[in-house]
Amino acid sequence: MNNSKEQQRAELHKTIWSIANDLRGSVDGWDFKSYVLGMLFYRFISENLTSYLNQAEHAAGNPNFDYPHLSDTEAEFGRDETVAEKGLFILPSELFQNVRERAPQDANLNETLERVFKNIEGSAVGTDSEDDVKGLFDDLDVNSNKLGNTVAKRNEKLVKLLNAIGDLPLGGGAYADNSIDLFGDAYEYLMGMYASNAGKSGGEYYTPQEVSEVLAKIAVAGKSRVNKVYDPAVGSGSLLLKFAKVLGKDNVGGFYGQEINLTTYNLARINMFLHDVNYEKFSIAHGDTLLEPQHWDDEPFEAIVSNPPYSIKWEGDANPLLINDERFAPAGVLAPKSKADLAFTMHMLSWLAVNGTAAIVEFPGVLYRGGAERKIRKYLVDNNYVDAVIQLPPDLFFGTTIATCIIVLKKSKSDNSILFIDASAEFSRVGNKNKLTPENQQHILDTFTNRADVHHIAALVPNETIGQNEYNIAVSSYVEKEDTREVIDITELNAEIARIVARQAELRTSIDAIVADLEGSNS
């Protein structure tokens, strides 16, 4: 079974790849992703809603009911109930499959799609799901010159897009259970594909799947359920959704995140829907987490994971209010204006539940730099909040080759030590990047949960020792790398040299004899 699923997934990825390349044409891949992903979302919500309504009617003893064939007038009766349950409503005539069917003959396809998207977003206005649905189609601009310079050309491209997305083998009409997986998987694959091709721009808010998985597993180690999970730099939301994969969706109380980039914020909300996380189970906010955090009413969180942007600028002490902010005040000093890394760290610690765990990908410099950063580390270590520091291999992330690390924070530790793990050799080279294989991931997790010294791999170090070492928490300061050079026996080496010298002398003597002999016979 699993094998056929993997085969199905590989097929799907191949199809997606060719579609994305075929459709793109002159549009930059990273820009064009909004069209492919937006259309995938449109198809998903159309099929998801159809399946939900059909199942309900069939269960109520109406076996021939098929929502796409209803008239819009008949469908209106179920609008309010559907919005309350699913967060949005789509009229039968505006479902993906029906719009697609008419698309080749629709000279005003761009206007049709624009109206449909407006109506879908409009269906949530004034209801509990309004914030989750508003603006989701903003980046799918059907009148953009990127699609072509005339309406006819743009519509031609839109027909191709509808057909390409409609033809993807995603479970289709029967809407089998695994099709939910496949939609989410297709989305993740596209994000990863666009990010790896976009280099820096895409990579900075896409955390590779394997790294996300390790972070999520660390954050829930020993638990089978968590109340709420949170990511303050949520990007496209993939990291949060790993919890659904690791624990099962029903074992996560809610998904919370904030994102500063508008397009990415839209992608994160779409990602939630595509993974069939219902609107009342997620809250993704837009804005600057450091200056305007949006989840004061939801904290504390039992599991926090994040891959915040590395060493970005922020207001820091240029803003006199920030030192009094309850998230940053306890350390007595703000992260430097040129490096916000530890501001994110303090924010996460502040919103972490007493029984919770935060796993944060960090730029290596935060582990040893002096100044304000050293003072913040002193606060973290002296209060026994740092549980572990894990050194990752280089070249795991898109857009950068640096070796990052993971800092694990806890508010209730059973010891006064920090576990340092050197996982820099835990990788396989795949294509032009390093990857954490399932074995690598497991090895890191086992070392983390065992919390004991392992020669050349892990060291459990008392906080006191760290204080004596300038509060430096770089893994290399505590875990000695294995010396892989060959051990050489000096006595043996000297004897060998003596043998070589003696042999040399022997050879020289015989060469001299030969030469003399030759000279003798020549004279």
Protein backbone atom coordinates (compact mmCIF):
# COMPACT_ATOMS: atom_id res chain seq x y z
CA MET A 1 0.00 0.00 0.00
CA ASN A 2 2.66 2.44 1.10
CA ASN A 3 4.69 1.78 -1.98
CA SER A 4 1.80 2.55 -4.31
CA LYS A 5 1.18 5.73 -2.33
CA GLU A 6 4.81 6.74 -2.80
CA GLN A 7 4.50 5.91 -6.49
CA GLN A 8 1.35 8.00 -6.71
CA ARG A 9 3.16 10.86 -4.99
CA ALA A 10 6.17 10.63 -7.33
CA GLU A 11 3.83 10.65 -10.34
CA LEU A 12 2.00 13.64 -8.94
CA HIS A 13 5.25 15.53 -8.37
CA LYS A 14 6.38 14.82 -11.92
CA THR A 15 3.07 16.10 -13.31
CA ILE A 16 3.17 19.22 -11.14
CA TRP A 17 6.72 19.96 -12.20
CA SER A 18 5.92 19.75 -15.91
CA ILE A 19 2.73 21.81 -15.49
CA ALA A 20 4.49 24.54 -13.55
CA ASN A 21 7.21 24.78 -16.18
CA ASP A 22 4.80 24.55 -19.08
CA LEU A 23 2.50 27.26 -17.71
CA ARG A 24 5.15 29.61 -16.55
CA GLY A 25 6.49 30.80 -19.88
CA SER A 26 7.76 34.30 -19.37
CA VAL A 27 6.62 34.65 -15.76
CA ASP A 28 9.23 34.21 -13.04
CA GLY A 29 8.53 30.99 -11.13
CA TRP A 30 8.43 32.63 -7.73
CA ASP A 31 5.87 35.19 -8.97
CA PHE A 32 3.86 32.60 -10.85
CA LYS A 33 3.46 30.34 -7.81
CA SER A 34 0.55 32.50 -6.62
CA TYR A 35 -1.42 31.49 -9.74
CA VAL A 36 -0.69 27.78 -9.50
CA LEU A 37 -1.26 27.66 -5.74
CA GLY A 38 -4.32 29.92 -5.86
CA MET A 39 -5.95 27.75 -8.52
CA LEU A 40 -5.08 24.60 -6.56
CA PHE A 41 -6.83 26.18 -3.56
CA TYR A 42 -9.90 27.06 -5.66
CA ARG A 43 -10.17 23.47 -6.86
CA PHE A 44 -9.67 22.13 -3.33
CA ILE A 45 -12.39 24.21 -1.65
CA SER A 46 -14.80 23.42 -4.51
CA GLU A 47 -14.28 19.66 -4.14
CA ASN A 48 -14.11 19.78 -0.36
CA LEU A 49 -17.43 21.67 -0.15
CA THR A 50 -19.08 19.40 -2.73
CA SER A 51 -17.96 16.32 -0.84
CA TYR A 52 -19.16 17.73 2.48
CA LEU A 53 -22.63 18.65 1.13
CA ASN A 54 -23.05 15.43 -0.87
CA GLN A 55 -22.14 13.25 2.11
CA ALA A 56 -24.58 15.10 4.37
CA GLU A 57 -27.45 14.71 1.85
CA HIS A 58 -26.65 11.06 1.11
CA ALA A 59 -26.64 10.33 4.86
CA ALA A 60 -30.02 12.08 5.12
CA GLY A 61 -31.47 9.58 2.64
CA ASN A 62 -31.06 11.52 -0.60
CA PRO A 63 -28.74 9.19 -2.60
CA ASN A 64 -29.04 11.04 -5.94
CA PHE A 65 -28.09 14.46 -4.60
CA ASP A 66 -25.11 16.02 -6.41
CA TYR A 67 -24.30 19.59 -5.43
CA PRO A 68 -22.64 20.73 -8.71
CA HIS A 69 -25.88 19.98 -10.59
CA LEU A 70 -28.08 22.06 -8.30
CA SER A 71 -29.36 25.44 -9.47
CA ASP A 72 -27.89 28.44 -7.66
CA THR A 73 -31.36 29.33 -6.33
CA GLU A 74 -31.82 25.89 -4.77
CA ALA A 75 -28.34 26.03 -3.28
CA GLU A 76 -28.93 29.37 -1.52
CA PHE A 77 -31.04 27.66 1.15
CA GLY A 78 -27.97 25.99 2.65
CA ARG A 79 -25.69 29.06 2.58
CA ASP A 80 -25.70 30.12 6.26
CA GLU A 81 -25.34 26.63 7.65
CA THR A 82 -22.49 25.83 5.24
CA VAL A 83 -20.58 29.02 6.10
CA ALA A 84 -20.97 28.28 9.82
CA GLU A 85 -19.55 24.81 9.28
CA LYS A 86 -16.94 25.26 6.54
CA GLY A 87 -16.14 28.97 6.77
CA LEU A 88 -17.16 29.81 3.19
CA PHE A 89 -19.76 29.12 0.51
CA ILE A 90 -19.59 28.54 -3.25
CA LEU A 91 -22.62 28.54 -5.56
CA PRO A 92 -22.87 25.47 -7.85
CA SER A 93 -22.32 27.58 -11.00
CA GLU A 94 -19.13 29.00 -9.42
CA LEU A 95 -17.54 25.68 -8.46
CA PHE A 96 -14.15 24.96 -10.03
CA GLN A 97 -15.41 22.06 -12.19
CA ASN A 98 -18.32 24.08 -13.63
CA VAL A 99 -16.25 27.19 -14.36
CA ARG A 100 -13.60 25.00 -15.95
CA GLU A 101 -16.14 23.27 -18.19
CA ARG A 102 -17.40 26.60 -19.58
CA ALA A 103 -13.97 28.29 -19.65
CA PRO A 104 -12.96 27.60 -23.30
CA GLN A 105 -16.19 29.24 -24.55
CA ASP A 106 -16.12 32.08 -21.99
CA ALA A 107 -14.81 35.23 -23.69
CA ASN A 108 -14.97 37.01 -20.31
CA LEU A 109 -13.25 34.30 -18.30
CA ASN A 110 -11.14 36.86 -16.45
CA GLU A 111 -14.29 38.68 -15.27
CA THR A 112 -15.98 35.39 -14.38
CA LEU A 113 -13.08 34.31 -12.21
CA GLU A 114 -12.77 37.72 -10.60
CA ARG A 115 -16.47 37.62 -9.69
CA VAL A 116 -16.24 34.04 -8.36
CA PHE A 117 -13.27 34.87 -6.13
CA LYS A 118 -15.02 38.00 -4.84
CA ASN A 119 -18.15 35.98 -4.07
CA ILE A 120 -16.23 33.24 -2.23
CA GLU A 121 -14.45 35.81 -0.05
CA GLY A 122 -17.73 37.73 0.33
CA SER A 123 -19.50 34.63 1.68
CA ALA A 124 -17.47 34.90 4.89
CA VAL A 125 -17.97 38.63 5.50
CA GLY A 126 -19.62 39.30 8.86
CA THR A 127 -19.07 35.73 10.07
CA ASP A 128 -16.49 34.08 12.36
CA SER A 129 -14.38 32.98 9.41
CA GLU A 130 -14.05 36.44 7.82
CA ASP A 131 -10.41 36.95 8.90
CA ASP A 132 -9.43 33.48 7.70
CA VAL A 133 -10.86 33.96 4.20
CA LYS A 134 -10.45 37.69 3.46
CA GLY A 135 -7.92 38.43 0.69
CA LEU A 136 -7.05 34.79 -0.04
CA PHE A 137 -7.31 35.36 -3.79
CA ASP A 138 -5.52 38.74 -3.79
CA ASP A 139 -2.39 37.31 -5.37
CA LEU A 140 -4.26 35.54 -8.15
CA ASP A 141 -4.66 38.65 -10.31
CA VAL A 142 -6.58 37.52 -13.42
CA ASN A 143 -5.96 40.85 -15.16
CA SER A 144 -2.21 40.95 -14.67
CA ASN A 145 0.06 41.63 -17.66
CA LYS A 146 2.19 38.78 -16.35
CA LEU A 147 -0.37 36.41 -17.87
CA GLY A 148 -0.34 38.10 -21.29
CA ASN A 149 -0.69 41.59 -22.74
CA THR A 150 -4.26 41.23 -24.07
CA VAL A 151 -7.43 39.91 -22.44
CA ALA A 152 -7.61 37.11 -25.02
CA LYS A 153 -4.01 36.02 -24.25
CA ARG A 154 -4.64 36.19 -20.51
CA ASN A 155 -7.81 34.11 -20.81
CA GLU A 156 -5.98 31.56 -22.94
CA LYS A 157 -3.44 31.19 -20.12
CA LEU A 158 -6.22 30.95 -17.52
CA VAL A 159 -7.92 28.13 -19.48
CA LYS A 160 -4.59 26.28 -19.54
CA LEU A 161 -4.20 26.86 -15.81
CA LEU A 162 -7.73 25.58 -15.01
CA ASN A 163 -7.17 22.49 -17.14
CA ALA A 164 -3.72 21.77 -15.75
CA ILE A 165 -4.84 22.03 -12.12
CA GLY A 166 -8.09 20.18 -12.92
CA ASP A 167 -6.16 17.28 -14.47
CA LEU A 168 -3.93 16.71 -11.44
CA PRO A 169 -4.60 13.24 -10.03
CA LEU A 170 -5.74 14.35 -6.57
CA GLY A 171 -8.42 11.83 -5.74
CA GLY A 172 -11.10 13.50 -7.86
CA GLY A 173 -14.82 12.90 -7.52
CA ALA A 174 -14.75 10.08 -5.00
CA TYR A 175 -12.76 12.39 -2.76
CA ALA A 176 -11.07 9.51 -1.02
CA ASP A 177 -9.38 10.10 2.32
CA ASN A 178 -5.91 10.21 0.87
CA SER A 179 -6.86 12.99 -1.54
CA ILE A 180 -6.71 15.33 1.44
CA ASP A 181 -3.12 14.23 1.85
CA LEU A 182 -2.48 14.70 -1.82
CA PHE A 183 -3.72 18.30 -1.98
CA GLY A 184 -1.57 19.28 0.99
CA ASP A 185 1.32 17.33 -0.43
CA ALA A 186 1.00 18.95 -3.85
CA TYR A 187 1.04 22.35 -2.17
CA GLU A 188 4.13 21.52 -0.10
CA TYR A 189 5.88 20.14 -3.15
CA LEU A 190 5.16 23.30 -5.16
CA MET A 191 6.36 25.53 -2.33
CA GLY A 192 9.60 23.56 -2.02
CA MET A 193 10.09 23.50 -5.77
CA TYR A 194 9.57 27.24 -6.17
CA ALA A 195 11.73 27.99 -3.13
CA SER A 196 14.67 25.92 -4.35
CA ASN A 197 14.53 27.60 -7.74
CA ALA A 198 14.04 31.08 -6.35
CA GLY A 199 17.16 30.86 -4.19
CA LYS A 200 17.29 33.53 -1.52
CA SER A 201 13.89 35.13 -2.05
CA GLY A 202 11.93 31.91 -1.69
CA GLY A 203 14.25 30.11 0.66
CA GLU A 204 14.08 32.56 3.47
CA TYR A 205 10.56 31.58 4.38
CA TYR A 206 10.51 27.96 3.46
CA THR A 207 11.93 25.50 5.96
CA PRO A 208 12.81 22.14 4.37
CA GLN A 209 10.42 19.36 5.36
CA GLU A 210 12.99 17.27 7.25
CA VAL A 211 14.11 20.20 9.40
CA SER A 212 10.45 21.03 10.18
CA GLU A 213 9.86 17.46 11.21
CA VAL A 214 12.79 17.43 13.64
CA LEU A 215 11.63 20.73 15.18
CA ALA A 216 8.06 19.49 15.64
CA LYS A 217 9.20 16.17 17.12
CA ILE A 218 11.49 17.94 19.59
CA ALA A 219 8.69 20.31 20.62
CA VAL A 220 6.30 17.43 21.41
CA ALA A 221 8.80 14.82 22.65
CA GLY A 222 7.01 12.57 25.14
CA LYS A 223 3.54 13.97 24.39
CA SER A 224 0.69 12.55 22.35
CA ARG A 225 -1.36 15.75 22.40
CA VAL A 226 -0.71 19.53 22.67
CA ASN A 227 -3.21 22.31 23.25
CA LYS A 228 -1.89 24.98 20.89
CA VAL A 229 1.07 25.31 18.56
CA TYR A 230 2.58 28.64 17.51
CA ASP A 231 5.10 30.07 15.05
CA PRO A 232 5.83 33.84 15.26
CA ALA A 233 7.46 33.90 11.80
CA VAL A 234 5.06 31.45 10.21
CA GLY A 235 6.01 31.82 6.53
CA SER A 236 3.89 29.50 4.44
CA GLY A 237 2.75 27.58 7.54
CA SER A 238 4.48 24.30 6.72
CA LEU A 239 6.30 24.15 10.02
CA LEU A 240 3.06 24.41 12.03
CA LEU A 241 1.37 21.77 9.91
CA LYS A 242 4.12 19.30 10.74
CA PHE A 243 2.43 18.92 14.15
CA ALA A 244 -0.64 17.53 12.40
CA LYS A 245 1.62 15.00 10.70
CA VAL A 246 3.59 14.09 13.82
CA LEU A 247 0.67 13.86 16.31
CA GLY A 248 -2.39 13.58 14.06
CA LYS A 249 -4.58 16.61 13.36
CA ASP A 250 -7.07 15.82 16.13
CA ASN A 251 -4.30 15.87 18.74
CA VAL A 252 -3.45 19.51 18.13
CA GLY A 253 -5.81 21.98 19.82
CA GLY A 254 -5.13 24.85 17.42
CA PHE A 255 -2.61 26.32 14.97
CA TYR A 256 -1.43 29.90 15.54
CA GLY A 257 1.06 32.03 13.63
CA GLN A 258 1.99 35.50 12.42
CA GLU A 259 3.63 36.59 9.16
CA ILE A 260 4.91 40.00 8.05
CA ASN A 261 4.88 39.40 4.27
CA LEU A 262 1.36 39.72 2.82
CA THR A 263 1.72 37.19 -0.01
CA THR A 264 3.25 34.63 2.34
CA TYR A 265 0.52 35.31 4.92
CA ASN A 266 -2.07 34.42 2.24
CA LEU A 267 -0.12 31.27 1.37
CA ALA A 268 -0.10 30.20 5.03
CA ARG A 269 -3.89 30.49 5.35
CA ILE A 270 -4.37 28.64 2.04
CA ASN A 271 -2.00 25.95 3.34
CA MET A 272 -4.22 25.46 6.41
CA PHE A 273 -7.33 24.98 4.24
CA LEU A 274 -5.49 22.62 1.88
CA HIS A 275 -4.51 20.44 4.83
CA ASP A 276 -8.20 20.38 5.81
CA VAL A 277 -7.62 22.31 9.03
CA ASN A 278 -11.01 23.96 9.59
CA TYR A 279 -11.16 27.73 9.99
CA GLU A 280 -11.97 27.70 13.72
CA LYS A 281 -8.84 25.63 14.39
CA PHE A 282 -6.33 28.13 13.03
CA SER A 283 -5.49 31.78 13.55
CA ILE A 284 -2.86 33.19 11.20
CA ALA A 285 -2.28 36.93 11.61
CA HIS A 286 -0.56 39.51 9.41
CA GLY A 287 1.99 41.98 10.78
CA ASP A 288 5.32 42.45 12.55
CA THR A 289 5.46 40.01 15.48
CA LEU A 290 8.20 41.91 17.31
CA LEU A 291 6.37 45.25 17.29
CA GLU A 292 2.71 44.25 16.93
CA PRO A 293 2.16 40.69 18.16
CA GLN A 294 -1.40 39.62 17.39
CA HIS A 295 -1.94 36.70 19.75
CA TRP A 296 -1.90 38.20 23.26
CA ASP A 297 -5.29 36.59 23.94
CA ASP A 298 -4.13 33.13 22.88
CA GLU A 299 -0.79 32.75 24.64
CA PRO A 300 0.76 30.80 26.33
CA PHE A 301 1.47 28.02 23.84
CA GLU A 302 2.47 24.47 24.66
CA ALA A 303 4.60 24.01 21.56
CA ILE A 304 6.46 26.76 19.69
CA VAL A 305 8.57 26.19 16.59
CA SER A 306 10.14 28.75 14.31
CA ASN A 307 12.77 29.49 11.72
CA PRO A 308 12.80 33.30 12.08
CA PRO A 309 14.71 35.47 9.58
CA TYR A 310 18.44 35.54 10.36
CA SER A 311 19.96 38.71 11.79
CA ILE A 312 17.43 41.18 10.40
CA LYS A 313 17.26 44.79 11.54
CA TRP A 314 14.63 45.95 14.02
CA GLU A 315 13.95 49.10 16.07
CA GLY A 316 15.55 47.76 19.24
CA ASP A 317 16.60 50.50 21.66
CA ALA A 318 15.74 53.23 19.14
CA ASN A 319 12.17 52.61 20.37
CA PRO A 320 12.08 53.62 24.07
CA LEU A 321 8.85 51.63 24.65
CA LEU A 322 10.34 48.25 23.80
CA ILE A 323 12.48 47.86 26.93
CA ASN A 324 9.25 47.98 28.96
CA ASP A 325 7.55 45.38 26.77
CA GLU A 326 6.89 42.40 29.04
CA ARG A 327 8.35 40.06 26.42
CA PHE A 328 11.78 41.76 26.33
CA ALA A 329 12.04 43.50 29.73
CA PRO A 330 13.12 40.48 31.81
CA ALA A 331 16.55 40.30 30.13
CA GLY A 332 17.19 43.94 31.01
CA VAL A 333 18.53 44.64 27.53
CA LEU A 334 17.20 44.52 23.95
CA ALA A 335 18.64 42.54 21.07
CA PRO A 336 20.91 44.78 18.93
CA LYS A 337 19.24 46.92 16.24
CA SER A 338 21.15 45.07 13.52
CA LYS A 339 20.34 41.58 14.79
CA ALA A 340 16.79 40.77 15.91
CA ASP A 341 17.45 37.02 16.40
CA LEU A 342 17.30 37.06 20.20
CA ALA A 343 14.27 39.39 20.20
CA PHE A 344 12.36 36.57 18.47
CA THR A 345 13.80 34.16 21.04
CA MET A 346 12.66 36.31 23.99
CA HIS A 347 9.22 36.72 22.42
CA MET A 348 8.84 32.94 22.13
CA LEU A 349 10.07 32.31 25.67
CA SER A 350 7.57 34.87 26.96
CA TRP A 351 4.66 33.12 25.24
CA LEU A 352 5.77 29.59 26.12
CA ALA A 353 3.56 27.59 28.50
CA VAL A 354 5.10 26.37 31.77
CA ASN A 355 4.89 22.77 30.51
CA GLY A 356 5.86 23.69 26.95
CA THR A 357 8.85 23.43 24.63
CA ALA A 358 10.14 25.88 22.01
CA ALA A 359 12.46 24.72 19.22
CA ILE A 360 14.01 27.58 17.26
CA VAL A 361 16.36 27.57 14.27
CA GLU A 362 19.06 30.15 15.00
CA PHE A 363 21.89 31.84 13.15
CA PRO A 364 25.13 30.52 14.75
CA GLY A 365 26.37 33.98 15.77
CA VAL A 366 23.73 34.32 18.51
CA LEU A 367 25.43 31.51 20.43
CA TYR A 368 28.69 33.35 21.05
CA ARG A 369 28.54 37.04 20.09
CA GLY A 370 29.26 39.55 22.88
CA GLY A 371 27.48 42.75 23.95
CA ALA A 372 23.71 42.77 24.42
CA GLU A 373 23.43 39.25 23.02
CA ARG A 374 25.74 37.90 25.74
CA LYS A 375 23.54 39.60 28.38
CA ILE A 376 20.41 37.98 26.93
CA ARG A 377 22.13 34.57 26.92
CA LYS A 378 23.15 35.17 30.55
CA TYR A 379 19.48 35.76 31.40
CA LEU A 380 18.43 32.58 29.56
CA VAL A 381 21.13 30.39 31.12
CA ASP A 382 20.95 31.79 34.67
CA ASN A 383 17.18 31.20 34.71
CA ASN A 384 17.65 27.67 33.39
CA TYR A 385 15.52 28.17 30.27
CA VAL A 386 17.96 26.64 27.74
CA ASP A 387 17.30 22.92 27.47
CA ALA A 388 19.48 22.01 24.49
CA VAL A 389 21.56 23.41 21.61
CA ILE A 390 21.84 21.30 18.47
CA GLN A 391 24.40 22.03 15.77
CA LEU A 392 22.94 21.20 12.33
CA PRO A 393 24.84 20.35 9.13
CA PRO A 394 25.65 23.14 6.63
CA ASP A 395 23.70 23.66 3.38
CA LEU A 396 20.29 22.36 4.50
CA PHE A 397 18.33 25.51 3.65
CA PHE A 398 17.43 27.15 0.34
CA GLY A 399 19.24 30.39 -0.36
CA THR A 400 22.03 29.88 2.19
CA THR A 401 24.76 27.32 2.85
CA ILE A 402 25.48 28.28 6.48
CA ALA A 403 25.30 25.68 9.24
CA THR A 404 22.46 26.74 11.51
CA CYS A 405 21.56 25.40 14.94
CA ILE A 406 18.47 24.70 17.03
CA ILE A 407 17.96 26.21 20.47
CA VAL A 408 15.46 24.35 22.64
CA LEU A 409 13.81 26.34 25.45
CA LYS A 410 11.81 25.01 28.42
CA LYS A 411 10.42 26.67 31.53
CA SER A 412 10.30 23.51 33.68
CA LYS A 413 13.54 21.54 33.44
CA SER A 414 14.46 18.66 35.70
CA ASP A 415 18.18 19.59 35.80
CA ASN A 416 20.39 22.69 35.74
CA SER A 417 22.34 21.76 32.63
CA ILE A 418 22.28 22.28 28.88
CA LEU A 419 22.56 19.39 26.45
CA PHE A 420 24.85 20.16 23.49
CA ILE A 421 24.47 17.95 20.41
CA ASP A 422 26.80 17.97 17.43
CA ALA A 423 24.64 16.79 14.51
CA SER A 424 26.83 18.45 11.87
CA ALA A 425 27.61 15.09 10.23
CA GLU A 426 23.97 13.89 10.22
CA PHE A 427 23.14 14.32 6.54
CA SER A 428 23.13 12.84 3.06
CA ARG A 429 23.95 14.84 -0.05
CA VAL A 430 20.89 14.91 -2.33
CA GLY A 431 21.17 16.93 -5.54
CA ASN A 432 22.76 20.25 -4.67
CA LYS A 433 21.70 20.29 -0.99
CA ASN A 434 22.29 18.36 2.22
CA LYS A 435 19.29 16.49 3.60
CA LEU A 436 18.45 14.95 6.97
CA THR A 437 17.44 11.37 6.22
CA PRO A 438 14.87 9.65 8.49
CA GLU A 439 17.83 7.88 10.17
CA ASN A 440 19.58 11.22 10.76
CA GLN A 441 16.39 12.66 12.24
CA GLN A 442 15.89 9.66 14.53
CA HIS A 443 19.50 9.80 15.70
CA ILE A 444 19.16 13.49 16.62
CA LEU A 445 15.88 12.79 18.48
CA ASP A 446 17.25 9.80 20.36
CA THR A 447 20.28 11.80 21.47
CA PHE A 448 17.98 14.63 22.52
CA THR A 449 15.63 12.44 24.57
CA ASN A 450 18.42 10.37 26.19
CA ARG A 451 19.99 13.58 27.52
CA ALA A 452 23.40 12.04 28.28
CA ASP A 453 27.04 12.45 27.26
CA VAL A 454 27.99 10.65 24.06
CA HIS A 455 31.65 10.74 23.02
CA HIS A 456 32.16 13.37 20.27
CA ILE A 457 28.38 13.78 19.82
CA ALA A 458 26.70 15.07 22.99
CA ALA A 459 27.70 16.78 26.23
CA LEU A 460 25.49 17.63 29.22
CA VAL A 461 27.05 20.76 30.71
CA PRO A 462 26.07 22.47 34.01
CA ASN A 463 24.84 26.07 33.66
CA GLU A 464 27.60 27.12 36.08
CA THR A 465 30.30 25.95 33.65
CA ILE A 466 28.63 27.91 30.86
CA GLY A 467 28.64 31.04 33.04
CA GLN A 468 32.38 30.59 33.55
CA ASN A 469 32.78 30.42 29.77
CA GLU A 470 31.31 33.88 29.05
CA TYR A 471 27.85 32.36 28.46
CA ASN A 472 29.07 30.99 25.15
CA ILE A 473 26.61 28.27 24.07
CA ALA A 474 28.22 27.18 20.79
CA VAL A 475 28.21 23.39 20.51
CA SER A 476 31.86 23.23 19.40
CA SER A 477 32.92 24.72 22.76
CA TYR A 478 31.60 21.68 24.63
CA VAL A 479 31.53 18.72 22.24
CA GLU A 480 34.97 17.75 21.04
CA LYS A 481 35.11 16.72 17.39
CA GLU A 482 36.47 13.29 16.74
CA ASP A 483 40.01 13.34 15.41
CA THR A 484 39.78 11.18 12.32
CA ARG A 485 43.47 11.45 11.51
CA GLU A 486 45.40 8.18 11.65
CA VAL A 487 47.19 7.50 14.92
CA ILE A 488 50.90 7.15 14.21
CA ASP A 489 53.32 5.11 16.31
CA ILE A 490 56.50 7.22 16.45
CA THR A 491 58.82 4.31 17.41
CA GLU A 492 57.44 2.27 14.51
CA LEU A 493 57.80 5.28 12.17
CA ASN A 494 61.44 5.86 13.20
CA ALA A 495 62.26 2.19 12.66
CA GLU A 496 60.62 2.37 9.21
CA ILE A 497 62.66 5.49 8.34
CA ALA A 498 65.85 3.75 9.49
CA ARG A 499 65.00 0.76 7.27
CA ILE A 500 64.41 3.09 4.29
CA VAL A 501 67.71 4.93 4.90
CA ALA A 502 69.61 1.61 5.15
CA ARG A 503 67.95 0.34 1.98
CA GLN A 504 68.80 3.62 0.26
CA ALA A 505 72.46 3.18 1.19
CA GLU A 506 72.37 -0.39 -0.11
CA LEU A 507 70.86 0.75 -3.40
CA ARG A 508 73.36 3.58 -3.72
CA THR A 509 76.25 1.11 -3.22
CA SER A 510 74.88 -1.27 -5.87
CA ILE A 511 74.26 1.62 -8.30
CA ASP A 512 77.85 2.82 -7.74
CA ALA A 513 79.09 -0.72 -8.41
CA ILE A 514 77.05 -0.93 -11.64
CA VAL A 515 78.24 2.47 -12.80
CA ALA A 516 81.88 1.56 -12.03
CA ASP A 517 81.39 -1.70 -13.85
CA LEU A 518 79.98 0.11 -16.89
CA GLU A 519 82.77 2.65 -16.85
CA GLY A 520 85.33 -0.20 -16.61
CA SER A 521 83.89 -2.01 -19.61
CA ASN A 522 83.74 1.21 -21.62
CA SER A 523 87.35 2.20 -21.07
